[in-house]
C-alpha cells in the first residue's frame, strides 16, 4: 500500500474510534460494536439515556485494554448494536415526521 492510502486508512480508523492495534487484534464483531459505540457517543449523545451512555462508555473502555477486550462477549456487542439500531430508528421517525 502507498503511504497516502495508509494515512487515509489510519484517519478513517481514528475517526471511528478504532486504533491500528485494535484493528489488527480485535474480532470483526468487536470492531463493529466499537465503531457504533464511538459514533453514538460522539454524534448522537443527545438522544441517549444515561444508562445507554454508561453501557457504551464501559464497552469503549473494555476495548481500549487488550487484556480486557478478551472478556467482551458477543452479547455485549449485540447490546451496543441494538442501542445503535434504536437510535437510528428514532432519527428516522423524527425525520419522517418533519
N, C-alpha and C. Protein backbone atom coordinates (compact mmCIF):
# COMPACT_ATOMS: atom_id res chain seq x y z
N UNK A 1 0.83 -1.19 0.00
CA UNK A 1 0.00 0.00 0.00
C UNK A 1 0.87 1.25 0.00
N UNK A 2 0.35 2.27 -0.58
CA UNK A 2 1.09 3.53 -0.61
C UNK A 2 0.93 4.26 0.72
N UNK A 3 1.82 5.20 0.91
CA UNK A 3 1.79 5.98 2.15
C UNK A 3 0.48 6.76 2.26
N UNK A 4 -0.01 7.30 1.13
CA UNK A 4 -1.25 8.06 1.13
C UNK A 4 -2.43 7.18 1.55
N UNK A 5 -2.46 5.96 1.06
CA UNK A 5 -3.53 5.02 1.42
C UNK A 5 -3.44 4.67 2.90
N UNK A 6 -2.24 4.46 3.39
CA UNK A 6 -2.06 4.18 4.82
C UNK A 6 -2.57 5.33 5.67
N UNK A 7 -2.27 6.55 5.26
CA UNK A 7 -2.73 7.73 6.01
C UNK A 7 -4.24 7.83 6.00
N UNK A 8 -4.86 7.56 4.86
CA UNK A 8 -6.32 7.61 4.78
C UNK A 8 -6.95 6.53 5.65
N UNK A 9 -6.37 5.34 5.62
CA UNK A 9 -6.88 4.24 6.44
C UNK A 9 -6.77 4.58 7.91
N UNK A 10 -5.63 5.08 8.32
CA UNK A 10 -5.42 5.45 9.71
C UNK A 10 -6.40 6.55 10.13
N UNK A 11 -6.61 7.52 9.27
CA UNK A 11 -7.54 8.62 9.56
C UNK A 11 -8.96 8.09 9.71
N UNK A 12 -9.36 7.18 8.82
CA UNK A 12 -10.71 6.62 8.90
C UNK A 12 -10.89 5.83 10.20
N UNK A 13 -9.91 5.01 10.53
CA UNK A 13 -9.98 4.24 11.78
C UNK A 13 -10.11 5.17 12.97
N UNK A 14 -9.27 6.20 13.00
CA UNK A 14 -9.28 7.15 14.12
C UNK A 14 -10.63 7.86 14.22
N UNK A 15 -11.20 8.25 13.08
CA UNK A 15 -12.49 8.96 13.11
C UNK A 15 -13.62 8.07 13.60
N UNK A 16 -13.41 6.76 13.57
CA UNK A 16 -14.41 5.81 14.06
C UNK A 16 -14.03 5.21 15.40
N UNK A 17 -13.03 5.79 16.06
CA UNK A 17 -12.67 5.37 17.41
C UNK A 17 -11.91 4.06 17.49
N UNK A 18 -11.24 3.67 16.42
CA UNK A 18 -10.51 2.40 16.38
C UNK A 18 -9.03 2.68 16.18
N UNK A 19 -8.21 2.05 17.00
CA UNK A 19 -6.76 2.20 16.83
C UNK A 19 -6.26 1.13 15.87
N UNK A 20 -5.07 1.35 15.33
CA UNK A 20 -4.49 0.35 14.42
C UNK A 20 -4.25 -0.97 15.14
N UNK A 21 -3.85 -0.89 16.41
CA UNK A 21 -3.61 -2.10 17.19
C UNK A 21 -4.91 -2.88 17.38
N UNK A 22 -5.99 -2.17 17.69
CA UNK A 22 -7.29 -2.83 17.83
C UNK A 22 -7.69 -3.48 16.51
N UNK A 23 -7.45 -2.78 15.43
CA UNK A 23 -7.84 -3.28 14.11
C UNK A 23 -7.16 -4.61 13.79
N UNK A 24 -5.92 -4.75 14.22
CA UNK A 24 -5.19 -5.98 13.92
C UNK A 24 -5.46 -7.09 14.94
N UNK A 25 -5.90 -6.74 16.16
CA UNK A 25 -6.05 -7.75 17.21
C UNK A 25 -7.49 -8.14 17.52
N UNK A 26 -8.43 -7.24 17.34
CA UNK A 26 -9.81 -7.50 17.76
C UNK A 26 -10.58 -8.27 16.70
N UNK A 27 -11.65 -8.89 17.14
CA UNK A 27 -12.56 -9.58 16.24
C UNK A 27 -13.41 -8.56 15.49
N UNK A 28 -13.90 -8.93 14.32
CA UNK A 28 -14.68 -8.01 13.50
C UNK A 28 -15.94 -7.54 14.21
N UNK A 29 -16.59 -8.43 14.95
CA UNK A 29 -17.81 -8.05 15.65
C UNK A 29 -17.52 -7.07 16.78
N UNK A 30 -16.34 -7.14 17.36
CA UNK A 30 -15.94 -6.17 18.37
C UNK A 30 -15.69 -4.81 17.74
N UNK A 31 -15.05 -4.83 16.57
CA UNK A 31 -14.76 -3.58 15.87
C UNK A 31 -16.03 -2.89 15.40
N UNK A 32 -17.00 -3.66 14.94
CA UNK A 32 -18.27 -3.08 14.51
C UNK A 32 -18.97 -2.41 15.69
N UNK A 33 -18.97 -3.07 16.82
CA UNK A 33 -19.60 -2.50 18.01
C UNK A 33 -18.82 -1.29 18.51
N UNK A 34 -17.51 -1.32 18.42
CA UNK A 34 -16.68 -0.19 18.83
C UNK A 34 -17.00 1.03 17.96
N UNK A 35 -17.10 0.82 16.67
CA UNK A 35 -17.43 1.92 15.75
C UNK A 35 -18.80 2.49 16.09
N UNK A 36 -19.77 1.63 16.32
CA UNK A 36 -21.12 2.06 16.67
C UNK A 36 -21.12 2.85 17.97
N UNK A 37 -20.47 2.31 19.00
CA UNK A 37 -20.44 2.97 20.30
C UNK A 37 -19.76 4.34 20.19
N UNK A 38 -18.64 4.39 19.52
CA UNK A 38 -17.90 5.64 19.38
C UNK A 38 -18.74 6.70 18.67
N UNK A 39 -19.35 6.32 17.54
CA UNK A 39 -20.13 7.28 16.77
C UNK A 39 -21.40 7.73 17.50
N UNK A 40 -22.03 6.83 18.25
CA UNK A 40 -23.19 7.22 19.04
C UNK A 40 -22.81 8.23 20.12
N UNK A 41 -21.73 7.95 20.82
CA UNK A 41 -21.29 8.87 21.88
C UNK A 41 -20.85 10.21 21.31
N UNK A 42 -20.27 10.19 20.14
CA UNK A 42 -19.74 11.40 19.53
C UNK A 42 -20.82 12.24 18.85
N UNK A 43 -21.75 11.57 18.15
CA UNK A 43 -22.69 12.30 17.30
C UNK A 43 -24.14 12.29 17.77
N UNK A 44 -24.52 11.33 18.59
CA UNK A 44 -25.93 11.18 18.98
C UNK A 44 -26.14 11.14 20.49
N UNK A 45 -25.22 11.68 21.24
CA UNK A 45 -25.29 11.61 22.71
C UNK A 45 -26.57 12.25 23.24
N UNK A 46 -27.09 13.25 22.54
CA UNK A 46 -28.31 13.91 23.00
C UNK A 46 -29.54 13.00 22.93
N UNK A 47 -29.49 11.95 22.15
CA UNK A 47 -30.61 11.01 22.03
C UNK A 47 -30.49 9.82 22.98
N UNK A 48 -29.36 9.70 23.66
CA UNK A 48 -29.11 8.54 24.52
C UNK A 48 -29.57 8.79 25.95
N UNK A 49 -30.01 7.71 26.61
CA UNK A 49 -30.32 7.80 28.04
C UNK A 49 -29.02 7.66 28.83
N UNK A 50 -29.07 7.96 30.09
CA UNK A 50 -27.88 7.83 30.94
C UNK A 50 -27.40 6.37 30.98
N UNK A 51 -28.33 5.44 31.03
CA UNK A 51 -27.97 4.02 31.06
C UNK A 51 -27.27 3.62 29.77
N UNK A 52 -27.78 4.08 28.63
CA UNK A 52 -27.17 3.76 27.35
C UNK A 52 -25.77 4.36 27.25
N UNK A 53 -25.62 5.59 27.70
CA UNK A 53 -24.30 6.23 27.69
C UNK A 53 -23.32 5.43 28.54
N UNK A 54 -23.78 4.98 29.71
CA UNK A 54 -22.93 4.19 30.61
C UNK A 54 -22.48 2.89 29.94
N UNK A 55 -23.41 2.19 29.29
CA UNK A 55 -23.07 0.93 28.62
C UNK A 55 -22.06 1.16 27.50
N UNK A 56 -22.30 2.20 26.70
CA UNK A 56 -21.41 2.48 25.58
C UNK A 56 -20.02 2.88 26.06
N UNK A 57 -19.96 3.68 27.10
CA UNK A 57 -18.66 4.11 27.63
C UNK A 57 -17.90 2.94 28.23
N UNK A 58 -18.60 2.08 28.95
CA UNK A 58 -17.90 0.93 29.54
C UNK A 58 -17.42 -0.02 28.44
N UNK A 59 -18.18 -0.16 27.37
CA UNK A 59 -17.73 -1.00 26.25
C UNK A 59 -16.47 -0.41 25.63
N UNK A 60 -16.46 0.88 25.42
CA UNK A 60 -15.28 1.54 24.83
C UNK A 60 -14.07 1.37 25.73
N UNK A 61 -14.27 1.45 27.04
CA UNK A 61 -13.17 1.26 27.99
C UNK A 61 -12.60 -0.16 27.89
N UNK A 62 -13.48 -1.14 27.78
CA UNK A 62 -13.03 -2.52 27.64
C UNK A 62 -12.24 -2.71 26.34
N UNK A 63 -12.66 -2.05 25.29
CA UNK A 63 -11.98 -2.19 24.00
C UNK A 63 -10.57 -1.58 24.03
N UNK A 64 -10.34 -0.61 24.89
CA UNK A 64 -9.04 0.04 24.94
C UNK A 64 -7.94 -0.88 25.49
N UNK A 65 -8.32 -1.79 26.39
CA UNK A 65 -7.35 -2.66 27.03
C UNK A 65 -7.39 -4.04 26.37
N UNK A 66 -6.26 -4.46 25.81
CA UNK A 66 -6.24 -5.74 25.07
C UNK A 66 -6.55 -6.93 25.96
N UNK A 67 -6.17 -6.88 27.22
CA UNK A 67 -6.47 -8.00 28.13
C UNK A 67 -7.95 -8.04 28.46
N UNK A 68 -8.55 -6.87 28.69
CA UNK A 68 -9.98 -6.81 29.00
C UNK A 68 -10.82 -7.07 27.75
N UNK A 69 -10.29 -6.75 26.58
CA UNK A 69 -11.02 -6.95 25.33
C UNK A 69 -11.38 -8.41 25.13
N UNK A 70 -10.54 -9.31 25.64
CA UNK A 70 -10.80 -10.75 25.51
C UNK A 70 -12.03 -11.18 26.30
N UNK A 71 -12.44 -10.35 27.27
CA UNK A 71 -13.62 -10.67 28.08
C UNK A 71 -14.92 -10.17 27.47
N UNK A 72 -14.83 -9.44 26.37
CA UNK A 72 -16.03 -8.93 25.72
C UNK A 72 -16.75 -10.10 25.04
N UNK A 73 -18.02 -10.22 25.36
CA UNK A 73 -18.82 -11.30 24.78
C UNK A 73 -19.63 -10.77 23.59
N UNK A 74 -20.11 -11.69 22.79
CA UNK A 74 -20.97 -11.28 21.68
C UNK A 74 -22.25 -10.63 22.19
N UNK A 75 -22.72 -11.06 23.33
CA UNK A 75 -23.92 -10.46 23.92
C UNK A 75 -23.69 -8.97 24.20
N UNK A 76 -22.51 -8.63 24.71
CA UNK A 76 -22.18 -7.22 24.97
C UNK A 76 -22.20 -6.42 23.67
N UNK A 77 -21.65 -7.01 22.62
CA UNK A 77 -21.62 -6.29 21.35
C UNK A 77 -23.03 -6.17 20.77
N UNK A 78 -23.87 -7.18 20.96
CA UNK A 78 -25.25 -7.09 20.49
C UNK A 78 -25.99 -5.95 21.21
N UNK A 79 -25.73 -5.78 22.51
CA UNK A 79 -26.36 -4.69 23.24
C UNK A 79 -25.98 -3.35 22.64
N UNK A 80 -24.71 -3.19 22.30
CA UNK A 80 -24.23 -1.94 21.70
C UNK A 80 -24.89 -1.74 20.33
N UNK A 81 -24.92 -2.79 19.53
CA UNK A 81 -25.52 -2.68 18.19
C UNK A 81 -27.03 -2.42 18.29
N UNK A 82 -27.69 -3.00 19.28
CA UNK A 82 -29.13 -2.75 19.46
C UNK A 82 -29.40 -1.30 19.86
N UNK A 83 -28.54 -0.74 20.68
CA UNK A 83 -28.68 0.69 21.02
C UNK A 83 -28.54 1.52 19.75
N UNK A 84 -27.57 1.17 18.92
CA UNK A 84 -27.38 1.88 17.66
C UNK A 84 -28.60 1.80 16.77
N UNK A 85 -29.20 0.62 16.68
CA UNK A 85 -30.41 0.43 15.87
C UNK A 85 -31.56 1.26 16.42
N UNK A 86 -31.71 1.27 17.73
CA UNK A 86 -32.80 2.02 18.36
C UNK A 86 -32.65 3.52 18.10
N UNK A 87 -31.44 4.03 18.21
CA UNK A 87 -31.20 5.45 17.99
C UNK A 87 -31.41 5.80 16.51
N UNK A 88 -30.99 4.92 15.63
CA UNK A 88 -31.20 5.13 14.18
C UNK A 88 -32.69 5.20 13.87
N UNK A 89 -33.48 4.33 14.47
CA UNK A 89 -34.94 4.35 14.27
C UNK A 89 -35.54 5.65 14.77
N UNK A 90 -35.06 6.12 15.93
CA UNK A 90 -35.55 7.40 16.45
C UNK A 90 -35.27 8.52 15.46
N UNK A 91 -34.09 8.49 14.87
CA UNK A 91 -33.73 9.51 13.88
C UNK A 91 -34.61 9.44 12.65
N UNK A 92 -34.91 8.23 12.18
CA UNK A 92 -35.78 8.08 11.01
C UNK A 92 -37.18 8.58 11.30
N UNK A 93 -37.71 8.25 12.50
CA UNK A 93 -39.05 8.70 12.87
C UNK A 93 -39.10 10.22 12.97
N UNK A 94 -38.05 10.82 13.52
CA UNK A 94 -38.00 12.28 13.64
C UNK A 94 -37.95 12.93 12.27
N UNK A 95 -37.16 12.37 11.36
CA UNK A 95 -37.07 12.91 10.01
C UNK A 95 -38.37 12.75 9.24
N UNK A 96 -39.04 11.63 9.46
CA UNK A 96 -40.29 11.34 8.76
C UNK A 96 -41.41 12.28 9.20
N UNK A 97 -41.42 12.64 10.47
CA UNK A 97 -42.48 13.49 11.00
C UNK A 97 -42.30 14.97 10.67
N UNK A 98 -41.17 15.32 10.10
CA UNK A 98 -40.93 16.73 9.75
C UNK A 98 -41.68 17.15 8.55
